[in-house]
Each structure stands twice: as structure tokens, then as C-alpha cells.
Amino acid sequence: MSEPTGAARRRGPFKVGDQVQLTDPKGRHYTFTLEAGKNFHTHKGSFPHDELIGAPEGSVVRTTGNVAYLALRPLLPDYVLSMPRGAAVVYPKDAGQILAFADIFPGARVVEAGVGSGSLSSFLLRAIGDQGMLHSYERREDFAEIAQANVERYFGGPHPAWQLTVGDLQDNLSDADVDRVILDMLAPWECLEAVSKALVPGGILCCYVATTTQLARTVESIREIGCFNEPSAWESMIRNWHIEGLAVRPDHRMIGHTGFLLTARRLADGVEPPMRRRRPAKGAYGEDYAGPNADGGSGR
């Protein structure tokens, strides 16, 4: 049985073509690709790549300036933060939440819109494996080219489960019986009709948006289309801690707001979502508001 795509690059001694992440005594990271006969240069001296080729991961190398560097393979969260960018990347904290709360499983059939620089695509591909399917849509060709290069660099070549289409999802979506849809774009509400037809009953829609106005419009549009359950929305923040002897305190800086996530599940065809029992706060809507389906449906 052959190894999953990219697995051989994650274990064993360092080989030519491997990505290496060096950590200096101050905790700074430097990432490069091993090439025979090449040298790695810093302002603290240099050392030959050949010193690492064949060495076990977790080795320490010293430069000509006698500075020690710890050599490890970069983790995927490290890789996506250091790779070349076209658009902004989906941060690891959000990618991890998407994998968990969108319930991405091995073999899943996933559609993604808004590839950006390929960060989330890499996380999704590793989760679904070679037997899954990820069809990614990106409207900008230059972003698609950067994303493809980043994904193939990480996996060591094309991934058998990945298809990348340049164009708008709502105009090009041809996939059916899709398990999960991930929308990372400015106006996800424009794609709801298309993805609702592609998702299987019980399938999950996950949207990643940056602003409260986008979040509000997306939630109201999901309610209005009427074939999803009540969406759930949240954001996450990360605060690291400084631990040095008895000095145990939060770091002065944290990874704060990057975006909002929301999920909703596709209902069976012909089923209406249950009535919402939670009353909106007074003043949450304008005086003339009569519900998202006031033009013919039943307001909720």
C-alpha cells in the first residue's frame, strides 16, 4: 500500500528537496529548501546544506560564526505563514476551527471558493487524503498560480485529490453530492443558491468573513434561502503565555481578530427549517422589517 501524498516528506532523515526550518537562539525562524552543494547564509555566518542532508530531524548545526541553529521540518502552520502570498492567508487558528467545526473527514468531497494563497487548501487536502475530492475555485488567475505553487511545494508535487478552477463559483460550479462547502470570499451570499443545490442533505456550509456587516448579511441570506438550519457564528483569539521561572504571565501581544466563521447544515429537500423561538432584541431591525421572507414566505 503506497503512502499518502506528502507523507514521505514528513519523516526520516533530511533529503534533498526537503523544506527545513531553522530556529536561532532568539527563536527566529528561517525556512529554505535543501539543495546539494549549496550554502545557507545569515548575518551570523553560513553552513553547507550537505551538513543536514542525511541528518536526522532535530539536529543542531553551527554557522562559521559559531551560532547554533535547530533544524526541523516546518509544520504546516509554520509553512503557510512563511510561504509566498498573493492574497492574505487563512491563519492556522482559523484553519483548525474549519477542519473541526466543518467536520472535514478522510474521503470527503469538498468545494472551496476563494483559494487565495493556498493555505486552507493545504489543510483541507491533508485532512481529506488521496481518496477525497477538493474542488477549489479562484476568480483571479494570479492568485490561483501562487496557490498551486504553494500547495505543490508542500506536498512535493500535484495532489491527486485537488482540482483548481479559475472563475466564479456561482458561474462554474458543476459538482454534485458535495459533503462540505467552504466559502472564503467577499460576498458568500452570492453563492448560496448554487451551493445549496450541490450539498447533500446534512452537508455543512462554512463561511469565513472579515467584517460584521458581511457576517450579518451572510446569516440573513442563509435564513432567507430556507434550506439550512439556523447558522452558528463565532470568532477565536489566541493569547500565548510567557513562562520563565516564576514569571508566568500573558504575552503582551496576541493573535486577535482575523475573521468570523459561521456554519450551517443543509436540510433535506422540501423541509422547512423549524421556527426560531428566540425573539430579536428590540431595535435589532428597522420599523419596516417584516422578516427575511416577507415578500411571500413566512417570516421567522
C-alpha atoms as a PDB file:
ATOM      1  CA  MET A   1       0.000   0.000   0.000  1.00  0.00           C
ATOM      2  CA  SER A   2       1.505   3.321  -1.070  1.00  0.00           C
ATOM      3  CA  GLU A   3       1.946   6.177   1.389  1.00  0.00           C
ATOM      4  CA  PRO A   4      -0.467   9.108   1.286  1.00  0.00           C
ATOM      5  CA  THR A   5       0.695  12.051  -0.799  1.00  0.00           C
ATOM      6  CA  GLY A   6       3.318  14.060   1.045  1.00  0.00           C
ATOM      7  CA  ALA A   7       3.756  11.603   3.938  1.00  0.00           C
ATOM      8  CA  ALA A   8       7.302  10.608   2.938  1.00  0.00           C
ATOM      9  CA  ARG A   9       8.328  14.259   3.194  1.00  0.00           C
ATOM     10  CA  ARG A  10       7.236  14.413   6.851  1.00  0.00           C
ATOM     11  CA  ARG A  11       9.520  11.772   8.375  1.00  0.00           C
ATOM     12  CA  GLY A  12      13.010  10.263   8.230  1.00  0.00           C
ATOM     13  CA  PRO A  13      16.409  11.922   7.712  1.00  0.00           C
ATOM     14  CA  PHE A  14      16.602  15.165   5.767  1.00  0.00           C
ATOM     15  CA  LYS A  15      16.720  14.686   1.986  1.00  0.00           C
ATOM     16  CA  VAL A  16      17.442  16.903  -0.996  1.00  0.00           C
ATOM     17  CA  GLY A  17      14.287  18.894  -1.746  1.00  0.00           C
ATOM     18  CA  ASP A  18      13.041  18.881   1.849  1.00  0.00           C
ATOM     19  CA  GLN A  19      11.897  22.101   3.482  1.00  0.00           C
ATOM     20  CA  VAL A  20      13.950  22.955   6.584  1.00  0.00           C
ATOM     21  CA  GLN A  21      13.066  25.411   9.320  1.00  0.00           C
ATOM     22  CA  LEU A  22      15.984  26.747  11.326  1.00  0.00           C
ATOM     23  CA  THR A  23      15.443  28.316  14.755  1.00  0.00           C
ATOM     24  CA  ASP A  24      18.124  30.663  16.082  1.00  0.00           C
ATOM     25  CA  PRO A  25      18.905  31.300  19.777  1.00  0.00           C
ATOM     26  CA  LYS A  26      16.357  34.171  19.829  1.00  0.00           C
ATOM     27  CA  GLY A  27      13.560  31.964  18.476  1.00  0.00           C
ATOM     28  CA  ARG A  28      13.548  33.449  14.959  1.00  0.00           C
ATOM     29  CA  HIS A  29      12.724  31.107  12.090  1.00  0.00           C
ATOM     30  CA  TYR A  30      14.393  30.728   8.701  1.00  0.00           C
ATOM     31  CA  THR A  31      12.913  28.382   6.069  1.00  0.00           C
ATOM     32  CA  PHE A  32      14.711  27.082   2.988  1.00  0.00           C
ATOM     33  CA  THR A  33      14.864  24.058   0.668  1.00  0.00           C
ATOM     34  CA  LEU A  34      17.793  21.640   0.862  1.00  0.00           C
ATOM     35  CA  GLU A  35      19.989  21.521  -2.242  1.00  0.00           C
ATOM     36  CA  ALA A  36      23.216  19.549  -2.577  1.00  0.00           C
ATOM     37  CA  GLY A  37      26.298  21.739  -2.744  1.00  0.00           C
ATOM     38  CA  LYS A  38      24.503  24.912  -1.609  1.00  0.00           C
ATOM     39  CA  ASN A  39      25.242  27.061   1.438  1.00  0.00           C
ATOM     40  CA  PHE A  40      22.830  28.750   3.853  1.00  0.00           C
ATOM     41  CA  HIS A  41      23.904  32.305   4.682  1.00  0.00           C
ATOM     42  CA  THR A  42      22.948  34.530   7.612  1.00  0.00           C
ATOM     43  CA  HIS A  43      24.465  37.643   9.144  1.00  0.00           C
ATOM     44  CA  LYS A  44      25.902  35.223  11.728  1.00  0.00           C
ATOM     45  CA  GLY A  45      27.818  33.154   9.186  1.00  0.00           C
ATOM     46  CA  SER A  46      26.976  30.222   6.915  1.00  0.00           C
ATOM     47  CA  PHE A  47      26.972  26.444   6.725  1.00  0.00           C
ATOM     48  CA  PRO A  48      26.667  23.936   3.832  1.00  0.00           C
ATOM     49  CA  HIS A  49      23.327  22.253   3.126  1.00  0.00           C
ATOM     50  CA  ASP A  50      25.283  18.980   2.928  1.00  0.00           C
ATOM     51  CA  GLU A  51      25.672  19.057   6.722  1.00  0.00           C
ATOM     52  CA  LEU A  52      21.926  18.492   7.035  1.00  0.00           C
ATOM     53  CA  ILE A  53      21.360  16.103   4.113  1.00  0.00           C
ATOM     54  CA  GLY A  54      21.126  12.647   5.683  1.00  0.00           C
ATOM     55  CA  ALA A  55      20.992  14.041   9.235  1.00  0.00           C
ATOM     56  CA  PRO A  56      18.027  13.255  11.498  1.00  0.00           C
ATOM     57  CA  GLU A  57      15.347  15.851  12.079  1.00  0.00           C
ATOM     58  CA  GLY A  58      16.005  17.785  15.264  1.00  0.00           C
ATOM     59  CA  SER A  59      19.735  18.185  14.555  1.00  0.00           C
ATOM     60  CA  VAL A  60      21.734  21.268  15.501  1.00  0.00           C
ATOM     61  CA  VAL A  61      24.090  22.937  13.027  1.00  0.00           C
ATOM     62  CA  ARG A  62      26.612  25.706  13.646  1.00  0.00           C
ATOM     63  CA  THR A  63      27.493  28.503  11.287  1.00  0.00           C
ATOM     64  CA  THR A  64      31.009  29.758  10.581  1.00  0.00           C
ATOM     65  CA  GLY A  65      30.207  32.402  13.229  1.00  0.00           C
ATOM     66  CA  ASN A  66      29.678  29.595  15.800  1.00  0.00           C
ATOM     67  CA  VAL A  67      25.946  30.280  16.180  1.00  0.00           C
ATOM     68  CA  ALA A  68      23.792  27.174  16.768  1.00  0.00           C
ATOM     69  CA  TYR A  69      20.563  26.617  14.810  1.00  0.00           C
ATOM     70  CA  LEU A  70      17.982  23.908  15.486  1.00  0.00           C
ATOM     71  CA  ALA A  71      16.865  22.205  12.254  1.00  0.00           C
ATOM     72  CA  LEU A  72      13.337  20.780  11.932  1.00  0.00           C
ATOM     73  CA  ARG A  73      10.849  20.328   9.139  1.00  0.00           C
ATOM     74  CA  PRO A  74       8.320  23.181   9.233  1.00  0.00           C
ATOM     75  CA  LEU A  75       4.876  22.194  10.462  1.00  0.00           C
ATOM     76  CA  LEU A  76       2.005  23.065   8.150  1.00  0.00           C
ATOM     77  CA  PRO A  77       1.068  26.077  10.353  1.00  0.00           C
ATOM     78  CA  ASP A  78       4.665  27.290  10.022  1.00  0.00           C
ATOM     79  CA  TYR A  79       4.690  26.680   6.278  1.00  0.00           C
ATOM     80  CA  VAL A  80       1.526  28.627   5.465  1.00  0.00           C
ATOM     81  CA  LEU A  81       2.746  31.658   7.414  1.00  0.00           C
ATOM     82  CA  SER A  82       6.079  31.750   5.562  1.00  0.00           C
ATOM     83  CA  MET A  83       5.014  30.794   2.024  1.00  0.00           C
ATOM     84  CA  PRO A  84       4.778  33.367  -0.829  1.00  0.00           C
ATOM     85  CA  ARG A  85       1.476  35.240  -0.780  1.00  0.00           C
ATOM     86  CA  GLY A  86      -0.885  36.659  -3.327  1.00  0.00           C
ATOM     87  CA  ALA A  87      -3.916  37.163  -1.100  1.00  0.00           C
ATOM     88  CA  ALA A  88      -3.894  37.021   2.690  1.00  0.00           C
ATOM     89  CA  VAL A  89      -3.712  33.502   4.101  1.00  0.00           C
ATOM     90  CA  VAL A  90      -6.228  31.753   6.322  1.00  0.00           C
ATOM     91  CA  TYR A  91      -4.435  31.682   9.676  1.00  0.00           C
ATOM     92  CA  PRO A  92      -3.787  28.288  11.277  1.00  0.00           C
ATOM     93  CA  LYS A  93      -6.112  29.072  14.184  1.00  0.00           C
ATOM     94  CA  ASP A  94      -8.985  29.548  11.734  1.00  0.00           C
ATOM     95  CA  ALA A  95      -7.988  26.626   9.508  1.00  0.00           C
ATOM     96  CA  GLY A  96      -8.037  24.352  12.563  1.00  0.00           C
ATOM     97  CA  GLN A  97     -11.512  25.582  13.504  1.00  0.00           C
ATOM     98  CA  ILE A  98     -12.729  24.992   9.946  1.00  0.00           C
ATOM     99  CA  LEU A  99     -11.394  21.421   9.933  1.00  0.00           C
ATOM    100  CA  ALA A 100     -13.089  20.730  13.268  1.00  0.00           C
ATOM    101  CA  PHE A 101     -16.431  22.521  13.003  1.00  0.00           C
ATOM    102  CA  ALA A 102     -16.965  21.816   9.311  1.00  0.00           C
ATOM    103  CA  ASP A 103     -16.169  18.180  10.200  1.00  0.00           C
ATOM    104  CA  ILE A 104     -13.698  17.584   7.371  1.00  0.00           C
ATOM    105  CA  PHE A 105     -13.137  13.821   7.211  1.00  0.00           C
ATOM    106  CA  PRO A 106     -10.954  11.444   5.145  1.00  0.00           C
ATOM    107  CA  GLY A 107     -12.551  10.876   1.751  1.00  0.00           C
ATOM    108  CA  ALA A 108     -14.834  13.920   1.994  1.00  0.00           C
ATOM    109  CA  ARG A 109     -15.980  15.706  -1.154  1.00  0.00           C
ATOM    110  CA  VAL A 110     -15.288  19.382  -0.529  1.00  0.00           C
ATOM    111  CA  VAL A 111     -15.810  22.548  -2.563  1.00  0.00           C
ATOM    112  CA  GLU A 112     -13.790  25.640  -1.677  1.00  0.00           C
ATOM    113  CA  ALA A 113     -14.235  29.146  -3.093  1.00  0.00           C
ATOM    114  CA  GLY A 114     -11.563  31.787  -2.605  1.00  0.00           C
ATOM    115  CA  VAL A 115      -8.228  29.943  -2.751  1.00  0.00           C
ATOM    116  CA  GLY A 116      -6.069  32.979  -2.016  1.00  0.00           C
ATOM    117  CA  SER A 117      -2.520  31.733  -1.462  1.00  0.00           C
ATOM    118  CA  GLY A 118      -3.395  28.061  -0.884  1.00  0.00           C
ATOM    119  CA  SER A 119      -3.232  27.985   2.927  1.00  0.00           C
ATOM    120  CA  LEU A 120      -6.663  26.471   3.584  1.00  0.00           C
ATOM    121  CA  SER A 121      -6.370  24.240   0.502  1.00  0.00           C
ATOM    122  CA  SER A 122      -3.283  22.618   2.039  1.00  0.00           C
ATOM    123  CA  PHE A 123      -5.064  21.953   5.336  1.00  0.00           C
ATOM    124  CA  LEU A 124      -8.132  20.568   3.552  1.00  0.00           C
ATOM    125  CA  LEU A 125      -6.122  18.290   1.270  1.00  0.00           C
ATOM    126  CA  ARG A 126      -4.212  16.805   4.175  1.00  0.00           C
ATOM    127  CA  ALA A 127      -7.486  16.149   6.002  1.00  0.00           C
ATOM    128  CA  ILE A 128      -9.430  14.539   3.142  1.00  0.00           C
ATOM    129  CA  GLY A 129      -6.490  12.445   1.890  1.00  0.00           C
ATOM    130  CA  ASP A 130      -5.892  10.964  -1.540  1.00  0.00           C
ATOM    131  CA  GLN A 131      -9.341   9.355  -1.697  1.00  0.00           C
ATOM    132  CA  GLY A 132     -11.222  12.598  -1.112  1.00  0.00           C
ATOM    133  CA  MET A 133     -12.027  15.416  -3.524  1.00  0.00           C
ATOM    134  CA  LEU A 134     -11.281  19.116  -3.166  1.00  0.00           C
ATOM    135  CA  HIS A 135     -12.506  21.358  -5.971  1.00  0.00           C
ATOM    136  CA  SER A 136     -11.208  24.884  -5.403  1.00  0.00           C
ATOM    137  CA  TYR A 137     -12.470  27.954  -7.243  1.00  0.00           C
ATOM    138  CA  GLU A 138     -10.464  31.172  -7.517  1.00  0.00           C
ATOM    139  CA  ARG A 139     -11.596  34.119  -9.624  1.00  0.00           C
ATOM    140  CA  ARG A 140      -8.087  35.619 -10.000  1.00  0.00           C
ATOM    141  CA  GLU A 141      -5.634  33.701 -12.174  1.00  0.00           C
ATOM    142  CA  ASP A 142      -2.575  35.235 -10.482  1.00  0.00           C
ATOM    143  CA  PHE A 143      -3.781  34.080  -7.060  1.00  0.00           C
ATOM    144  CA  ALA A 144      -4.519  30.614  -8.453  1.00  0.00           C
ATOM    145  CA  GLU A 145      -0.971  30.301  -9.801  1.00  0.00           C
ATOM    146  CA  ILE A 146       0.558  31.276  -6.449  1.00  0.00           C
ATOM    147  CA  ALA A 147      -1.739  28.875  -4.581  1.00  0.00           C
ATOM    148  CA  GLN A 148      -0.941  25.988  -6.913  1.00  0.00           C
ATOM    149  CA  ALA A 149       2.795  26.540  -6.492  1.00  0.00           C
ATOM    150  CA  ASN A 150       2.486  26.700  -2.696  1.00  0.00           C
ATOM    151  CA  VAL A 151       0.366  23.556  -2.437  1.00  0.00           C
ATOM    152  CA  GLU A 152       2.615  21.556  -4.766  1.00  0.00           C
ATOM    153  CA  ARG A 153       5.716  22.740  -2.917  1.00  0.00           C
ATOM    154  CA  TYR A 154       4.286  21.485   0.354  1.00  0.00           C
ATOM    155  CA  PHE A 155       3.141  18.074  -0.945  1.00  0.00           C
ATOM    156  CA  GLY A 156       6.126  17.594  -3.263  1.00  0.00           C
ATOM    157  CA  GLY A 157       4.018  17.671  -6.435  1.00  0.00           C
ATOM    158  CA  PRO A 158       0.388  17.720  -7.623  1.00  0.00           C
ATOM    159  CA  HIS A 159      -2.127  16.310  -5.149  1.00  0.00           C
ATOM    160  CA  PRO A 160      -4.383  13.619  -6.701  1.00  0.00           C
ATOM    161  CA  ALA A 161      -7.472  14.877  -4.817  1.00  0.00           C
ATOM    162  CA  TRP A 162      -7.194  18.510  -5.927  1.00  0.00           C
ATOM    163  CA  GLN A 163      -8.855  20.294  -8.822  1.00  0.00           C
ATOM    164  CA  LEU A 164      -8.371  24.053  -9.238  1.00  0.00           C
ATOM    165  CA  THR A 165     -10.698  26.119 -11.432  1.00  0.00           C
ATOM    166  CA  VAL A 166     -10.188  29.794 -12.280  1.00  0.00           C
ATOM    167  CA  GLY A 167     -13.545  31.557 -12.274  1.00  0.00           C
ATOM    168  CA  ASP A 168     -16.515  32.442 -10.083  1.00  0.00           C
ATOM    169  CA  LEU A 169     -18.041  29.549  -8.181  1.00  0.00           C
ATOM    170  CA  GLN A 170     -21.632  30.557  -8.895  1.00  0.00           C
ATOM    171  CA  ASP A 171     -20.931  30.530 -12.645  1.00  0.00           C
ATOM    172  CA  ASN A 172     -18.800  27.379 -12.816  1.00  0.00           C
ATOM    173  CA  LEU A 173     -19.975  25.026 -10.061  1.00  0.00           C
ATOM    174  CA  SER A 174     -20.763  21.646 -11.605  1.00  0.00           C
ATOM    175  CA  ASP A 175     -20.078  19.367  -8.634  1.00  0.00           C
ATOM    176  CA  ALA A 176     -22.917  17.357  -7.135  1.00  0.00           C
ATOM    177  CA  ASP A 177     -23.322  15.356  -3.918  1.00  0.00           C
ATOM    178  CA  VAL A 178     -20.798  17.543  -2.113  1.00  0.00           C
ATOM    179  CA  ASP A 179     -20.242  16.898   1.609  1.00  0.00           C
ATOM    180  CA  ARG A 180     -18.802  20.274   2.595  1.00  0.00           C
ATOM    181  CA  VAL A 181     -18.579  23.771   1.096  1.00  0.00           C
ATOM    182  CA  ILE A 182     -16.097  26.369   2.391  1.00  0.00           C
ATOM    183  CA  LEU A 183     -16.581  29.971   1.234  1.00  0.00           C
ATOM    184  CA  ASP A 184     -13.738  32.416   1.893  1.00  0.00           C
ATOM    185  CA  MET A 185     -14.798  35.429  -0.154  1.00  0.00           C
ATOM    186  CA  LEU A 186     -16.186  38.960  -0.018  1.00  0.00           C
ATOM    187  CA  ALA A 187     -19.812  38.091  -0.804  1.00  0.00           C
ATOM    188  CA  PRO A 188     -20.608  34.466   0.129  1.00  0.00           C
ATOM    189  CA  TRP A 189     -24.353  35.194  -0.080  1.00  0.00           C
ATOM    190  CA  GLU A 190     -23.997  35.356  -3.872  1.00  0.00           C
ATOM    191  CA  CYS A 191     -23.123  31.631  -3.920  1.00  0.00           C
ATOM    192  CA  LEU A 192     -25.778  30.267  -1.575  1.00  0.00           C
ATOM    193  CA  GLU A 193     -28.234  29.171  -4.249  1.00  0.00           C
ATOM    194  CA  ALA A 194     -25.528  27.321  -6.181  1.00  0.00           C
ATOM    195  CA  VAL A 195     -24.013  25.564  -3.175  1.00  0.00           C
ATOM    196  CA  SER A 196     -27.402  24.618  -1.731  1.00  0.00           C
ATOM    197  CA  LYS A 197     -28.019  22.585  -4.897  1.00  0.00           C
ATOM    198  CA  ALA A 198     -24.603  20.916  -4.674  1.00  0.00           C
ATOM    199  CA  LEU A 199     -24.647  19.991  -0.965  1.00  0.00           C
ATOM    200  CA  VAL A 200     -26.025  16.655   0.184  1.00  0.00           C
ATOM    201  CA  PRO A 201     -28.666  16.679   2.954  1.00  0.00           C
ATOM    202  CA  GLY A 202     -26.795  17.098   6.221  1.00  0.00           C
ATOM    203  CA  GLY A 203     -23.843  18.643   4.397  1.00  0.00           C
ATOM    204  CA  ILE A 204     -22.099  21.593   6.011  1.00  0.00           C
ATOM    205  CA  LEU A 205     -21.653  25.109   4.678  1.00  0.00           C
ATOM    206  CA  CYS A 206     -18.820  27.046   6.335  1.00  0.00           C
ATOM    207  CA  CYS A 207     -18.203  30.733   5.588  1.00  0.00           C
ATOM    208  CA  TYR A 208     -15.177  32.794   6.560  1.00  0.00           C
ATOM    209  CA  VAL A 209     -15.750  36.560   6.504  1.00  0.00           C
ATOM    210  CA  ALA A 210     -13.804  39.527   7.836  1.00  0.00           C
ATOM    211  CA  THR A 211     -16.383  42.111   8.924  1.00  0.00           C
ATOM    212  CA  THR A 212     -19.566  42.282  10.967  1.00  0.00           C
ATOM    213  CA  THR A 213     -21.531  43.630   8.001  1.00  0.00           C
ATOM    214  CA  GLN A 214     -20.506  40.625   5.890  1.00  0.00           C
ATOM    215  CA  LEU A 215     -21.388  38.321   8.772  1.00  0.00           C
ATOM    216  CA  ALA A 216     -24.840  39.842   9.256  1.00  0.00           C
ATOM    217  CA  ARG A 217     -25.723  39.745   5.577  1.00  0.00           C
ATOM    218  CA  THR A 218     -24.498  36.166   5.191  1.00  0.00           C
ATOM    219  CA  VAL A 219     -26.550  34.951   8.170  1.00  0.00           C
ATOM    220  CA  GLU A 220     -29.717  36.719   6.989  1.00  0.00           C
ATOM    221  CA  SER A 221     -29.232  35.317   3.468  1.00  0.00           C
ATOM    222  CA  ILE A 222     -28.840  31.783   4.837  1.00  0.00           C
ATOM    223  CA  ARG A 223     -32.071  32.205   6.786  1.00  0.00           C
ATOM    224  CA  GLU A 224     -33.845  33.606   3.763  1.00  0.00           C
ATOM    225  CA  ILE A 225     -32.896  30.830   1.352  1.00  0.00           C
ATOM    226  CA  GLY A 226     -34.715  28.433   3.687  1.00  0.00           C
ATOM    227  CA  CYS A 227     -32.857  25.152   3.136  1.00  0.00           C
ATOM    228  CA  PHE A 228     -30.350  25.373   6.002  1.00  0.00           C
ATOM    229  CA  ASN A 229     -30.711  25.085   9.734  1.00  0.00           C
ATOM    230  CA  GLU A 230     -30.039  28.093  11.963  1.00  0.00           C
ATOM    231  CA  PRO A 231     -26.410  29.185  11.347  1.00  0.00           C
ATOM    232  CA  SER A 232     -23.867  29.395  14.148  1.00  0.00           C
ATOM    233  CA  ALA A 233     -21.231  32.158  14.130  1.00  0.00           C
ATOM    234  CA  TRP A 234     -18.115  32.823  16.224  1.00  0.00           C
ATOM    235  CA  GLU A 235     -14.541  34.088  16.231  1.00  0.00           C
ATOM    236  CA  SER A 236     -11.458  32.830  18.042  1.00  0.00           C
ATOM    237  CA  MET A 237      -8.410  34.522  19.519  1.00  0.00           C
ATOM    238  CA  ILE A 238      -5.083  33.160  20.732  1.00  0.00           C
ATOM    239  CA  ARG A 239      -3.082  34.549  23.627  1.00  0.00           C
ATOM    240  CA  ASN A 240       0.317  32.984  24.249  1.00  0.00           C
ATOM    241  CA  TRP A 241       1.920  32.909  27.672  1.00  0.00           C
ATOM    242  CA  HIS A 242       5.416  33.847  28.795  1.00  0.00           C
ATOM    243  CA  ILE A 243       6.830  31.248  31.198  1.00  0.00           C
ATOM    244  CA  GLU A 244      10.262  31.887  32.678  1.00  0.00           C
ATOM    245  CA  GLY A 245      10.780  30.580  36.209  1.00  0.00           C
ATOM    246  CA  LEU A 246       8.309  32.379  38.455  1.00  0.00           C
ATOM    247  CA  ALA A 247       7.496  34.924  35.753  1.00  0.00           C
ATOM    248  CA  VAL A 248       4.313  33.392  34.336  1.00  0.00           C
ATOM    249  CA  ARG A 249       2.125  35.935  32.545  1.00  0.00           C
ATOM    250  CA  PRO A 250       0.294  36.508  29.270  1.00  0.00           C
ATOM    251  CA  ASP A 251       2.334  37.795  26.357  1.00  0.00           C
ATOM    252  CA  HIS A 252       1.894  41.469  25.603  1.00  0.00           C
ATOM    253  CA  ARG A 253       0.655  40.672  22.089  1.00  0.00           C
ATOM    254  CA  MET A 254      -1.918  38.178  20.897  1.00  0.00           C
ATOM    255  CA  ILE A 255      -3.461  36.890  17.667  1.00  0.00           C
ATOM    256  CA  GLY A 256      -6.749  38.748  17.837  1.00  0.00           C
ATOM    257  CA  HIS A 257      -9.469  39.148  15.261  1.00  0.00           C
ATOM    258  CA  THR A 258      -8.704  37.614  11.874  1.00  0.00           C
ATOM    259  CA  GLY A 259     -12.203  36.732  10.728  1.00  0.00           C
ATOM    260  CA  PHE A 260     -15.612  35.353  11.632  1.00  0.00           C
ATOM    261  CA  LEU A 261     -16.613  31.760  10.984  1.00  0.00           C
ATOM    262  CA  LEU A 262     -20.151  30.517  10.566  1.00  0.00           C
ATOM    263  CA  THR A 263     -21.578  27.107   9.796  1.00  0.00           C
ATOM    264  CA  ALA A 264     -24.996  25.836   8.729  1.00  0.00           C
ATOM    265  CA  ARG A 265     -26.263  22.394   7.692  1.00  0.00           C
ATOM    266  CA  ARG A 266     -28.224  21.565   4.563  1.00  0.00           C
ATOM    267  CA  LEU A 267     -31.746  20.333   5.231  1.00  0.00           C
ATOM    268  CA  ALA A 268     -33.479  17.610   3.240  1.00  0.00           C
ATOM    269  CA  ASP A 269     -35.282  18.773   0.108  1.00  0.00           C
ATOM    270  CA  GLY A 270     -38.752  20.115   0.799  1.00  0.00           C
ATOM    271  CA  VAL A 271     -38.170  20.558   4.516  1.00  0.00           C
ATOM    272  CA  GLU A 272     -38.700  23.951   6.115  1.00  0.00           C
ATOM    273  CA  PRO A 273     -36.413  24.951   8.980  1.00  0.00           C
ATOM    274  CA  PRO A 274     -38.108  24.986  12.394  1.00  0.00           C
ATOM    275  CA  MET A 275     -39.405  28.316  13.619  1.00  0.00           C
ATOM    276  CA  ARG A 276     -36.890  30.341  15.592  1.00  0.00           C
ATOM    277  CA  ARG A 277     -38.040  30.692  19.199  1.00  0.00           C
ATOM    278  CA  ARG A 278     -35.557  33.381  20.139  1.00  0.00           C
ATOM    279  CA  ARG A 279     -37.045  36.848  19.773  1.00  0.00           C
ATOM    280  CA  PRO A 280     -34.735  39.511  18.362  1.00  0.00           C
ATOM    281  CA  ALA A 281     -33.776  42.369  20.662  1.00  0.00           C
ATOM    282  CA  LYS A 282     -35.908  45.483  20.425  1.00  0.00           C
ATOM    283  CA  GLY A 283     -34.462  47.734  17.757  1.00  0.00           C
ATOM    284  CA  ALA A 284     -32.412  44.957  16.119  1.00  0.00           C
ATOM    285  CA  TYR A 285     -34.338  45.551  12.874  1.00  0.00           C
ATOM    286  CA  GLY A 286     -35.902  48.661  11.360  1.00  0.00           C
ATOM    287  CA  GLU A 287     -39.557  49.522  11.893  1.00  0.00           C
ATOM    288  CA  ASP A 288     -40.473  48.381   8.390  1.00  0.00           C
ATOM    289  CA  TYR A 289     -38.774  44.965   8.735  1.00  0.00           C
ATOM    290  CA  ALA A 290     -41.215  42.043   8.432  1.00  0.00           C
ATOM    291  CA  GLY A 291     -38.821  39.087   8.289  1.00  0.00           C
ATOM    292  CA  PRO A 292     -36.486  37.753   5.572  1.00  0.00           C
ATOM    293  CA  ASN A 293     -39.359  36.065   3.733  1.00  0.00           C
ATOM    294  CA  ALA A 294     -41.833  38.941   3.952  1.00  0.00           C
ATOM    295  CA  ASP A 295     -42.216  39.055   0.179  1.00  0.00           C
ATOM    296  CA  GLY A 296     -44.050  35.731   0.015  1.00  0.00           C
ATOM    297  CA  GLY A 297     -42.723  33.333   2.643  1.00  0.00           C
ATOM    298  CA  SER A 298     -43.352  33.075   6.337  1.00  0.00           C
ATOM    299  CA  GLY A 299     -41.192  35.357   8.433  1.00  0.00           C
ATOM    300  CA  ARG A 300     -39.235  33.737  11.255  1.00  0.00           C
END
